[in-house]
Amino acid sequence: MLNGSDLYKLDINGASFVKACGGNTHPDGESCVTLARIGDDAWALPEAGRI
């Protein structure tokens, strides 16, 4: 983890976002999340308006 870093200021323009799905938590089917790995122990989630 990037201790002491402001995660909102990290440049993630080159990050590759992927959709990960699994489980069956409700009648609509699988639950999904869109994320990109930005470090050994860090992941980025896109802003809701940019998905």
C-alpha atoms as a PDB file:
ATOM      1  CA  MET A   1       0.000   0.000   0.000  1.00  0.00           C
ATOM      2  CA  LEU A   2       1.150   3.520  -0.681  1.00  0.00           C
ATOM      3  CA  ASN A   3       1.351   4.784   2.896  1.00  0.00           C
ATOM      4  CA  GLY A   4       1.118   8.553   3.184  1.00  0.00           C
ATOM      5  CA  SER A   5      -0.042   9.022  -0.427  1.00  0.00           C
ATOM      6  CA  ASP A   6      -3.176  10.874  -1.438  1.00  0.00           C
ATOM      7  CA  LEU A   7      -4.859   8.202  -3.555  1.00  0.00           C
ATOM      8  CA  TYR A   8      -7.072  10.818  -5.238  1.00  0.00           C
ATOM      9  CA  LYS A   9      -3.964  12.462  -6.747  1.00  0.00           C
ATOM     10  CA  LEU A  10      -2.540   9.286  -8.330  1.00  0.00           C
ATOM     11  CA  ASP A  11      -2.407   9.304 -12.138  1.00  0.00           C
ATOM     12  CA  ILE A  12      -4.371   6.241 -13.285  1.00  0.00           C
ATOM     13  CA  ASN A  13      -4.853   7.279 -16.941  1.00  0.00           C
ATOM     14  CA  GLY A  14      -3.091   4.126 -18.159  1.00  0.00           C
ATOM     15  CA  ALA A  15      -4.951   1.789 -15.806  1.00  0.00           C
ATOM     16  CA  SER A  16      -6.792  -1.102 -17.427  1.00  0.00           C
ATOM     17  CA  PHE A  17     -10.262  -1.449 -15.892  1.00  0.00           C
ATOM     18  CA  VAL A  18     -12.016  -4.808 -16.021  1.00  0.00           C
ATOM     19  CA  LYS A  19     -15.397  -6.058 -14.858  1.00  0.00           C
ATOM     20  CA  ALA A  20     -15.361  -8.798 -12.221  1.00  0.00           C
ATOM     21  CA  CYS A  21     -18.606 -10.639 -11.427  1.00  0.00           C
ATOM     22  CA  GLY A  22     -19.620 -13.414  -9.091  1.00  0.00           C
ATOM     23  CA  GLY A  23     -22.134 -14.651  -6.600  1.00  0.00           C
ATOM     24  CA  ASN A  24     -25.877 -14.543  -6.741  1.00  0.00           C
ATOM     25  CA  THR A  25     -26.944 -12.088  -4.063  1.00  0.00           C
ATOM     26  CA  HIS A  26     -30.315 -11.038  -5.442  1.00  0.00           C
ATOM     27  CA  PRO A  27     -32.951 -12.072  -7.988  1.00  0.00           C
ATOM     28  CA  ASP A  28     -31.283 -10.016 -10.750  1.00  0.00           C
ATOM     29  CA  GLY A  29     -28.282 -12.362 -10.952  1.00  0.00           C
ATOM     30  CA  GLU A  30     -24.592 -11.788 -10.367  1.00  0.00           C
ATOM     31  CA  SER A  31     -23.030  -8.868  -8.540  1.00  0.00           C
ATOM     32  CA  CYS A  32     -20.295  -7.053 -10.472  1.00  0.00           C
ATOM     33  CA  VAL A  33     -17.586  -4.485  -9.841  1.00  0.00           C
ATOM     34  CA  THR A  34     -15.307  -2.632 -12.278  1.00  0.00           C
ATOM     35  CA  LEU A  35     -11.723  -2.213 -11.043  1.00  0.00           C
ATOM     36  CA  ALA A  36      -8.079  -1.778 -12.041  1.00  0.00           C
ATOM     37  CA  ARG A  37      -4.974  -2.890 -10.179  1.00  0.00           C
ATOM     38  CA  ILE A  38      -2.780   0.146  -9.453  1.00  0.00           C
ATOM     39  CA  GLY A  39      -0.304  -1.384  -7.007  1.00  0.00           C
ATOM     40  CA  ASP A  40       0.600  -4.511  -5.070  1.00  0.00           C
ATOM     41  CA  ASP A  41      -2.218  -4.009  -2.578  1.00  0.00           C
ATOM     42  CA  ALA A  42      -4.217  -1.235  -4.238  1.00  0.00           C
ATOM     43  CA  TRP A  43      -7.169  -1.205  -6.623  1.00  0.00           C
ATOM     44  CA  ALA A  44      -8.985   1.679  -8.302  1.00  0.00           C
ATOM     45  CA  LEU A  45     -12.719   1.925  -8.916  1.00  0.00           C
ATOM     46  CA  PRO A  46     -13.980   4.242 -11.674  1.00  0.00           C
ATOM     47  CA  GLU A  47     -16.284   7.145 -10.961  1.00  0.00           C
ATOM     48  CA  ALA A  48     -19.916   6.087 -11.410  1.00  0.00           C
ATOM     49  CA  GLY A  49     -20.461   8.570 -14.246  1.00  0.00           C
ATOM     50  CA  ARG A  50     -17.493   7.265 -16.245  1.00  0.00           C
ATOM     51  CA  ILE A  51     -18.290   3.543 -16.412  1.00  0.00           C
END
